Amino acid sequence: MNPTIDLLRHHTSVRKFTGEPISSDQLNAIFESAQMASTSSFMQTGSIVRVTDPQLREKFAALAGGQTWISEAAEFLVWCADFHRHQQIAPEAKLGFSEQLLIGSIDVALMAENALVAAESMGLGGVFIGGIRNDPKQVAQLLELPKNVLPLFGMCLGYPAQEPSIRPRLPQALVVHENTYNKTLDKELLAEYDRHVVEYYSARAGANAKVASWSEQISATLSKESRPHIKAFLNEQGFDIK
């Protein structure tokens, strides 16, 4: 339809990178694109920590579960919801509300997606790193984050050394509702999608490639606790306490 839509429709996560650096002009363009994302009430609650120290990168790779691409990528960025900046401007600010956690998380997610799309438009690739939430307290200590700053996720960026296949997404009919939410799941359509996902994994190279339907993956993921330490960390950082 147009180059922008084509770019968005062909997104893949890249985890293997060449050693080529990202230029300062490119990086500035990526950051500027991130900052131009929509922001709730013009609050601008996002902050980015660019991690360039190789030893620090190694620590992040380890705490994220051995994700070596954190060390190998040209850039590794940690995206944070930040109300510390606001408190310095307005010391009397009333912080800690759950709504502010939502505002900060949404602002940062929009910023980061803008950044990744901008990077991909320049021939770069990247991947989000939710694994930093395995130990967010250590992340905060390593980055010396003050209270009211919340590390949400990381992002690797660099020139791709692979061409991953596009992972199939849910049919629009299961995602897009009109006027009211359709509470009845179309199980036949879901089953068709599950078969598509199994075919996708079966076609991928490598003996260790998983072969499971989307429904099986969701069942496995949601059958166990999901980082139960997050609630306490949110409170320690001054978020979601009222």
Protein backbone atom coordinates (compact mmCIF):
# COMPACT_ATOMS: atom_id res chain seq x y z
CA MET A 1 0.00 0.00 0.00
CA ASN A 2 2.83 2.36 0.96
CA PRO A 3 6.38 1.97 2.36
CA THR A 4 5.32 2.69 5.97
CA ILE A 5 2.59 0.05 6.02
CA ASP A 6 4.86 -2.41 4.23
CA LEU A 7 7.53 -1.85 6.89
CA LEU A 8 5.06 -2.36 9.75
CA ARG A 9 3.57 -5.50 8.21
CA HIS A 10 6.99 -7.11 7.82
CA HIS A 11 8.30 -6.56 11.34
CA THR A 12 10.37 -9.36 12.87
CA SER A 13 12.49 -9.55 16.01
CA VAL A 14 16.22 -9.61 15.24
CA ARG A 15 18.61 -11.30 17.68
CA LYS A 16 21.75 -11.63 15.56
CA PHE A 17 23.70 -8.55 14.56
CA THR A 18 26.73 -7.60 12.53
CA GLY A 19 29.48 -5.66 14.24
CA GLU A 20 28.64 -2.47 12.36
CA PRO A 21 27.93 0.48 14.67
CA ILE A 22 24.93 2.78 14.47
CA SER A 23 25.99 6.31 13.59
CA SER A 24 25.32 9.22 15.92
CA ASP A 25 23.04 10.77 13.28
CA GLN A 26 21.01 7.58 13.09
CA LEU A 27 20.81 7.29 16.86
CA ASN A 28 19.72 10.90 17.22
CA ALA A 29 17.02 10.34 14.60
CA ILE A 30 15.81 7.26 16.50
CA PHE A 31 15.64 9.20 19.77
CA GLU A 32 13.90 12.13 18.12
CA SER A 33 11.34 9.77 16.59
CA ALA A 34 10.77 8.22 20.01
CA GLN A 35 10.18 11.60 21.61
CA MET A 36 7.61 12.52 18.97
CA ALA A 37 5.29 9.70 20.04
CA SER A 38 1.94 10.61 21.55
CA THR A 39 2.11 11.33 25.30
CA SER A 40 -0.74 11.51 27.80
CA SER A 41 -1.53 15.11 28.82
CA PHE A 42 1.88 16.14 27.42
CA MET A 43 3.44 14.53 30.51
CA GLN A 44 6.40 13.05 28.58
CA THR A 45 7.01 10.40 31.21
CA GLY A 46 9.59 8.33 29.32
CA SER A 47 13.35 8.16 29.84
CA ILE A 48 15.93 6.10 27.96
CA VAL A 49 19.15 4.78 29.44
CA ARG A 50 21.70 3.97 26.75
CA VAL A 51 23.98 1.22 28.06
CA THR A 52 27.42 1.41 26.41
CA ASP A 53 29.61 -0.16 29.14
CA PRO A 54 30.50 -3.70 27.93
CA GLN A 55 30.66 -5.09 31.47
CA LEU A 56 27.26 -3.63 32.26
CA ARG A 57 25.93 -5.16 29.07
CA GLU A 58 27.21 -8.57 30.18
CA LYS A 59 25.39 -8.22 33.48
CA PHE A 60 22.15 -7.36 31.73
CA ALA A 61 22.55 -10.32 29.38
CA ALA A 62 22.93 -12.63 32.36
CA LEU A 63 20.04 -11.31 34.42
CA ALA A 64 17.77 -11.39 31.36
CA GLY A 65 18.31 -15.15 31.16
CA GLY A 66 21.44 -15.44 29.04
CA GLN A 67 20.29 -13.27 26.13
CA THR A 68 23.71 -12.84 24.53
CA TRP A 69 22.43 -10.42 21.88
CA ILE A 70 22.31 -7.77 24.61
CA SER A 71 26.12 -7.83 24.58
CA GLU A 72 26.41 -8.21 20.81
CA ALA A 73 24.00 -5.53 19.54
CA ALA A 74 25.29 -2.15 18.44
CA GLU A 75 23.02 -0.49 20.99
CA PHE A 76 21.20 -1.58 24.13
CA LEU A 77 18.59 0.77 25.55
CA VAL A 78 16.59 0.51 28.77
CA TRP A 79 13.21 2.22 28.61
CA CYS A 80 11.84 3.68 31.84
CA ALA A 81 8.67 5.31 33.10
CA ASP A 82 9.97 8.43 34.80
CA PHE A 83 8.19 10.64 37.33
CA HIS A 84 11.41 11.60 39.13
CA ARG A 85 11.90 14.38 36.60
CA HIS A 86 8.40 15.66 37.34
CA GLN A 87 8.96 15.58 41.09
CA GLN A 88 12.07 17.72 40.71
CA ILE A 89 9.98 20.26 38.80
CA ALA A 90 7.05 20.04 41.23
CA PRO A 91 8.22 18.76 44.66
CA GLU A 92 4.61 18.80 45.88
CA ALA A 93 3.54 16.39 43.11
CA LYS A 94 1.11 13.69 44.22
CA LEU A 95 2.66 10.48 42.93
CA GLY A 96 2.13 6.77 43.37
CA PHE A 97 -1.29 6.48 41.74
CA SER A 98 -2.08 3.41 39.64
CA GLU A 99 -3.20 5.71 36.84
CA GLN A 100 0.32 7.15 36.71
CA LEU A 101 1.72 3.66 36.27
CA LEU A 102 -0.56 3.24 33.27
CA ILE A 103 0.35 6.65 31.88
CA GLY A 104 4.07 5.99 32.22
CA SER A 105 3.88 2.48 30.75
CA ILE A 106 1.78 3.58 27.78
CA ASP A 107 3.97 6.62 27.08
CA VAL A 108 7.13 4.50 27.11
CA ALA A 109 5.65 1.74 24.96
CA LEU A 110 4.63 4.29 22.33
CA MET A 111 8.08 5.88 22.42
CA ALA A 112 9.84 2.56 22.05
CA GLU A 113 7.68 1.40 19.14
CA ASN A 114 8.36 4.68 17.35
CA ALA A 115 12.07 4.14 17.93
CA LEU A 116 12.03 0.59 16.57
CA VAL A 117 10.05 1.56 13.47
CA ALA A 118 12.45 4.45 12.85
CA ALA A 119 15.39 2.06 13.20
CA GLU A 120 13.85 -0.49 10.85
CA SER A 121 13.23 2.25 8.26
CA MET A 122 17.02 2.74 8.15
CA GLY A 123 17.75 -0.93 7.58
CA LEU A 124 18.37 -1.70 11.25
CA GLY A 125 16.71 -4.40 13.32
CA GLY A 126 15.97 -4.93 16.95
CA VAL A 127 14.24 -6.85 19.68
CA PHE A 128 12.49 -5.91 22.91
CA ILE A 129 13.94 -7.39 26.11
CA GLY A 130 11.28 -8.02 28.74
CA GLY A 131 13.77 -10.25 30.57
CA ILE A 132 15.18 -7.29 32.49
CA ARG A 133 12.07 -7.62 34.68
CA ASN A 134 13.47 -10.95 35.93
CA ASP A 135 15.36 -8.86 38.48
CA PRO A 136 14.19 -5.24 38.20
CA LYS A 137 15.72 -4.35 41.55
CA GLN A 138 19.18 -5.22 40.25
CA VAL A 139 18.45 -3.29 37.06
CA ALA A 140 17.57 -0.24 39.14
CA GLN A 141 20.77 -0.62 41.16
CA LEU A 142 22.99 -1.09 38.09
CA LEU A 143 21.52 1.99 36.41
CA GLU A 144 21.34 3.96 39.67
CA LEU A 145 17.66 4.69 39.12
CA PRO A 146 16.08 6.92 41.76
CA LYS A 147 12.63 6.43 43.22
CA ASN A 148 9.79 7.17 40.80
CA VAL A 149 11.72 5.72 37.85
CA LEU A 150 10.59 2.30 36.66
CA PRO A 151 12.61 0.15 34.20
CA LEU A 152 10.04 -1.47 31.90
CA PHE A 153 12.03 -3.26 29.18
CA GLY A 154 15.21 -3.19 27.17
CA MET A 155 15.80 -2.94 23.43
CA CYS A 156 18.65 -4.22 21.28
CA LEU A 157 19.36 -2.40 18.02
CA GLY A 158 21.84 -3.06 15.24
CA TYR A 159 22.36 -4.17 11.67
CA PRO A 160 20.71 -7.58 11.18
CA ALA A 161 22.86 -10.65 10.58
CA GLN A 162 19.75 -12.78 10.01
CA GLU A 163 16.42 -12.61 8.20
CA PRO A 164 13.84 -14.10 10.58
CA SER A 165 10.57 -15.30 9.10
CA ILE A 166 7.45 -13.35 10.00
CA ARG A 167 5.59 -14.93 12.90
CA PRO A 168 1.86 -15.21 12.13
CA ARG A 169 -0.50 -13.03 14.14
CA LEU A 170 -4.04 -13.76 15.25
CA PRO A 171 -6.77 -13.32 12.63
CA GLN A 172 -8.29 -9.85 12.75
CA ALA A 173 -11.70 -11.37 13.44
CA LEU A 174 -10.40 -12.52 16.85
CA VAL A 175 -8.89 -9.13 17.66
CA VAL A 176 -11.12 -6.44 16.19
CA HIS A 177 -14.55 -5.95 17.80
CA GLU A 178 -17.26 -3.56 16.66
CA ASN A 179 -19.32 -1.46 19.07
CA THR A 180 -19.37 -4.17 21.76
CA TYR A 181 -16.93 -6.87 22.81
CA ASN A 182 -17.69 -10.27 21.32
CA LYS A 183 -17.48 -12.57 24.33
CA THR A 184 -17.86 -15.77 22.30
CA LEU A 185 -14.52 -17.00 20.99
CA ASP A 186 -14.62 -18.39 17.47
CA LYS A 187 -12.98 -21.73 18.23
CA GLU A 188 -12.91 -22.89 14.62
CA LEU A 189 -11.02 -19.77 13.59
CA LEU A 190 -8.68 -20.19 16.56
CA ALA A 191 -8.04 -23.83 15.61
CA GLU A 192 -7.18 -22.75 12.08
CA TYR A 193 -4.73 -20.19 13.46
CA ASP A 194 -3.22 -22.80 15.79
CA ARG A 195 -2.56 -25.05 12.78
CA HIS A 196 -0.94 -22.12 11.00
CA VAL A 197 1.36 -21.49 13.98
CA VAL A 198 2.34 -25.17 14.16
CA GLU A 199 3.19 -25.10 10.45
CA TYR A 200 5.27 -21.96 11.00
CA TYR A 201 7.34 -23.58 13.75
CA SER A 202 7.65 -26.86 11.84
CA ALA A 203 9.11 -25.01 8.85
CA ARG A 204 11.79 -23.26 10.92
CA ALA A 205 15.30 -24.65 10.72
CA GLY A 206 16.90 -26.30 13.75
CA ALA A 207 16.29 -29.54 15.58
CA ASN A 208 15.45 -27.69 18.79
CA ALA A 209 12.75 -25.51 17.28
CA LYS A 210 9.57 -25.72 19.29
CA VAL A 211 6.46 -27.06 17.59
CA ALA A 212 3.41 -25.93 19.53
CA SER A 213 0.18 -24.17 18.77
CA TRP A 214 -0.49 -20.66 20.00
CA SER A 215 -3.18 -21.94 22.36
CA GLU A 216 -0.73 -24.46 23.85
CA GLN A 217 1.84 -21.72 24.39
CA ILE A 218 -0.71 -19.45 26.07
CA SER A 219 -1.89 -22.26 28.33
CA ALA A 220 1.68 -23.05 29.36
CA THR A 221 2.54 -19.39 29.98
CA LEU A 222 -0.55 -18.61 32.03
CA SER A 223 -0.41 -21.82 34.08
CA LYS A 224 2.48 -20.45 36.17
CA GLU A 225 3.26 -17.36 38.18
CA SER A 226 4.40 -14.35 36.18
CA ARG A 227 7.18 -12.52 38.01
CA PRO A 228 5.37 -12.27 41.36
CA HIS A 229 8.12 -9.96 42.66
CA ILE A 230 6.96 -7.11 40.41
CA LYS A 231 4.26 -5.78 42.75
CA ALA A 232 6.72 -5.23 45.61
CA PHE A 233 9.24 -3.59 43.28
CA LEU A 234 6.61 -1.24 41.90
CA ASN A 235 5.83 -0.12 45.43
CA GLU A 236 9.52 0.29 46.29
CA GLN A 237 9.96 2.57 43.28
CA GLY A 238 6.93 4.64 44.27
CA PHE A 239 4.44 3.20 41.74
CA ASP A 240 0.99 1.65 42.14
CA ILE A 241 0.68 2.37 45.86
CA LYS A 242 -2.67 4.18 45.76
